[in-house]
Amino acid sequence: MRWRFANGKGQYVYLERHTILTRVQEEILSQHCVSMAHLGYGFSRWQILDMALNMAVALGIENEPTKHWFYGFLKRFPDVNMVHPAKREKARDAAVTNEMIKNYLKELELT
C-alpha cells in the first residue's frame, strides 16, 4: 500500500463493480429518462428500476437491477433526476405549457 502512494498510483484507485447493463445500454436508458423529463414526465426510482429490468430481460441478462445499481446509475449519470410521484402531479400541473404539449405530440407523431 505504501508503494502505491509513494509511486503515485494509489491515489485514484476506486472499487468499480460490474454493472448489470453495459455503459452504452445505461447511456440509452439515461437519455430516455432525460428526454422524457424534458417533455414533462419524470420517472421515480421504481420506474427506472422496472425499465432496467425490462432491458435486462430483453437482452437475456439474468441478474436483476437493485437499489444499489440504481444509486450507482445516478452517480454515473447525474443529469438523470428522480421524481417523487406525489410531487410530480403538482409540479406537472404547474409546469405544463402549451409548447411542452406541442413538443410531446410531435414526439408521438415521430414514433
Protein backbone atom coordinates (compact mmCIF):
# COMPACT_ATOMS: atom_id res chain seq x y z
CA MET A 1 0.00 0.00 0.00
CA ARG A 2 2.82 2.41 0.84
CA TRP A 3 4.42 1.62 -2.50
CA ARG A 4 1.25 2.64 -4.34
CA PHE A 5 1.09 6.00 -2.63
CA ALA A 6 4.82 6.58 -2.97
CA ASN A 7 4.67 5.95 -6.72
CA GLY A 8 1.51 7.97 -7.27
CA LYS A 9 -0.63 5.09 -8.48
CA GLY A 10 -2.71 4.54 -5.38
CA GLN A 11 -4.33 7.92 -5.11
CA TYR A 12 -7.03 7.33 -7.67
CA VAL A 13 -7.77 3.65 -7.25
CA TYR A 14 -11.51 3.09 -6.93
CA LEU A 15 -13.52 -0.02 -6.36
CA GLU A 16 -15.53 -0.38 -9.52
CA ARG A 17 -18.13 -3.08 -9.57
CA HIS A 18 -19.51 -4.54 -12.73
CA THR A 19 -22.93 -3.25 -13.64
CA ILE A 20 -25.80 -5.27 -15.00
CA LEU A 21 -26.03 -3.27 -18.21
CA THR A 22 -23.12 -2.08 -20.33
CA ARG A 23 -22.13 1.57 -20.44
CA VAL A 24 -23.84 2.03 -23.83
CA GLN A 25 -27.07 0.44 -22.60
CA GLU A 26 -27.05 2.63 -19.50
CA GLU A 27 -26.49 5.70 -21.70
CA ILE A 28 -29.56 4.76 -23.75
CA LEU A 29 -31.61 4.43 -20.57
CA SER A 30 -30.35 7.74 -19.21
CA GLN A 31 -31.05 9.55 -22.49
CA HIS A 32 -34.60 8.20 -22.44
CA CYS A 33 -35.11 9.36 -18.85
CA VAL A 34 -33.73 12.83 -19.60
CA SER A 35 -35.75 13.24 -22.81
CA MET A 36 -38.96 12.22 -21.05
CA ALA A 37 -38.18 14.63 -18.20
CA HIS A 38 -37.85 17.44 -20.76
CA LEU A 39 -41.31 16.50 -22.04
CA GLY A 40 -42.68 16.83 -18.51
CA TYR A 41 -42.72 13.20 -17.44
CA GLY A 42 -40.13 12.29 -14.82
CA PHE A 43 -39.60 8.80 -13.50
CA SER A 44 -39.47 7.55 -9.93
CA ARG A 45 -36.94 5.02 -8.63
CA TRP A 46 -39.16 2.01 -9.13
CA GLN A 47 -39.99 3.06 -12.71
CA ILE A 48 -36.31 3.36 -13.66
CA LEU A 49 -35.60 0.01 -12.00
CA ASP A 50 -38.51 -1.52 -13.91
CA MET A 51 -37.20 -0.15 -17.22
CA ALA A 52 -33.72 -1.51 -16.43
CA LEU A 53 -35.23 -4.89 -15.58
CA ASN A 54 -37.16 -4.93 -18.86
CA MET A 55 -33.95 -4.11 -20.75
CA ALA A 56 -32.09 -6.87 -18.91
CA VAL A 57 -34.80 -9.44 -19.67
CA ALA A 58 -34.90 -8.40 -23.34
CA LEU A 59 -31.11 -8.75 -23.56
CA GLY A 60 -31.10 -12.14 -21.81
CA ILE A 61 -29.35 -10.91 -18.66
CA GLU A 62 -30.30 -12.97 -15.62
CA ASN A 63 -29.31 -10.53 -12.86
CA GLU A 64 -31.88 -8.01 -11.71
CA PRO A 65 -31.05 -4.37 -11.00
CA THR A 66 -31.16 -3.45 -7.32
CA LYS A 67 -31.33 -0.19 -5.44
CA HIS A 68 -27.52 -0.28 -5.23
CA TRP A 69 -27.35 -0.42 -9.03
CA PHE A 70 -29.85 2.45 -9.18
CA TYR A 71 -27.83 4.77 -6.94
CA GLY A 72 -24.67 3.89 -8.87
CA PHE A 73 -26.59 4.71 -12.06
CA LEU A 74 -27.49 8.13 -10.65
CA LYS A 75 -23.82 8.75 -9.81
CA ARG A 76 -22.71 7.73 -13.29
CA PHE A 77 -25.40 9.88 -14.95
CA PRO A 78 -26.01 12.94 -12.76
CA ASP A 79 -28.32 14.54 -15.34
CA VAL A 80 -30.97 11.90 -14.56
CA ASN A 81 -33.27 13.25 -11.88
CA MET A 82 -35.52 11.14 -9.73
CA VAL A 83 -39.06 12.42 -9.24
CA HIS A 84 -41.30 11.52 -6.33
CA PRO A 85 -44.80 10.57 -7.53
CA ALA A 86 -46.74 12.81 -5.13
CA LYS A 87 -44.76 15.90 -6.06
CA ARG A 88 -44.83 15.02 -9.74
CA GLU A 89 -48.55 15.72 -10.08
CA LYS A 90 -48.28 19.17 -8.53
CA ALA A 91 -45.17 20.03 -10.49
CA ARG A 92 -46.67 18.73 -13.73
CA ASP A 93 -49.79 20.88 -13.31
CA ALA A 94 -47.74 23.99 -12.67
CA ALA A 95 -45.02 23.34 -15.24
CA VAL A 96 -47.00 22.20 -18.29
CA THR A 97 -47.12 24.79 -21.04
CA ASN A 98 -48.65 24.78 -24.49
CA GLU A 99 -45.18 24.46 -26.00
CA MET A 100 -44.46 21.34 -23.95
CA ILE A 101 -47.71 19.75 -25.09
CA LYS A 102 -46.92 20.55 -28.73
CA ASN A 103 -43.43 19.05 -28.37
CA TYR A 104 -44.90 15.95 -26.75
CA LEU A 105 -47.42 15.49 -29.55
CA LYS A 106 -44.67 15.95 -32.16
CA GLU A 107 -42.62 13.24 -30.44
CA LEU A 108 -45.63 10.92 -30.51
CA GLU A 109 -46.12 11.53 -34.23
CA LEU A 110 -42.47 10.69 -34.93
CA THR A 111 -42.71 7.31 -33.22
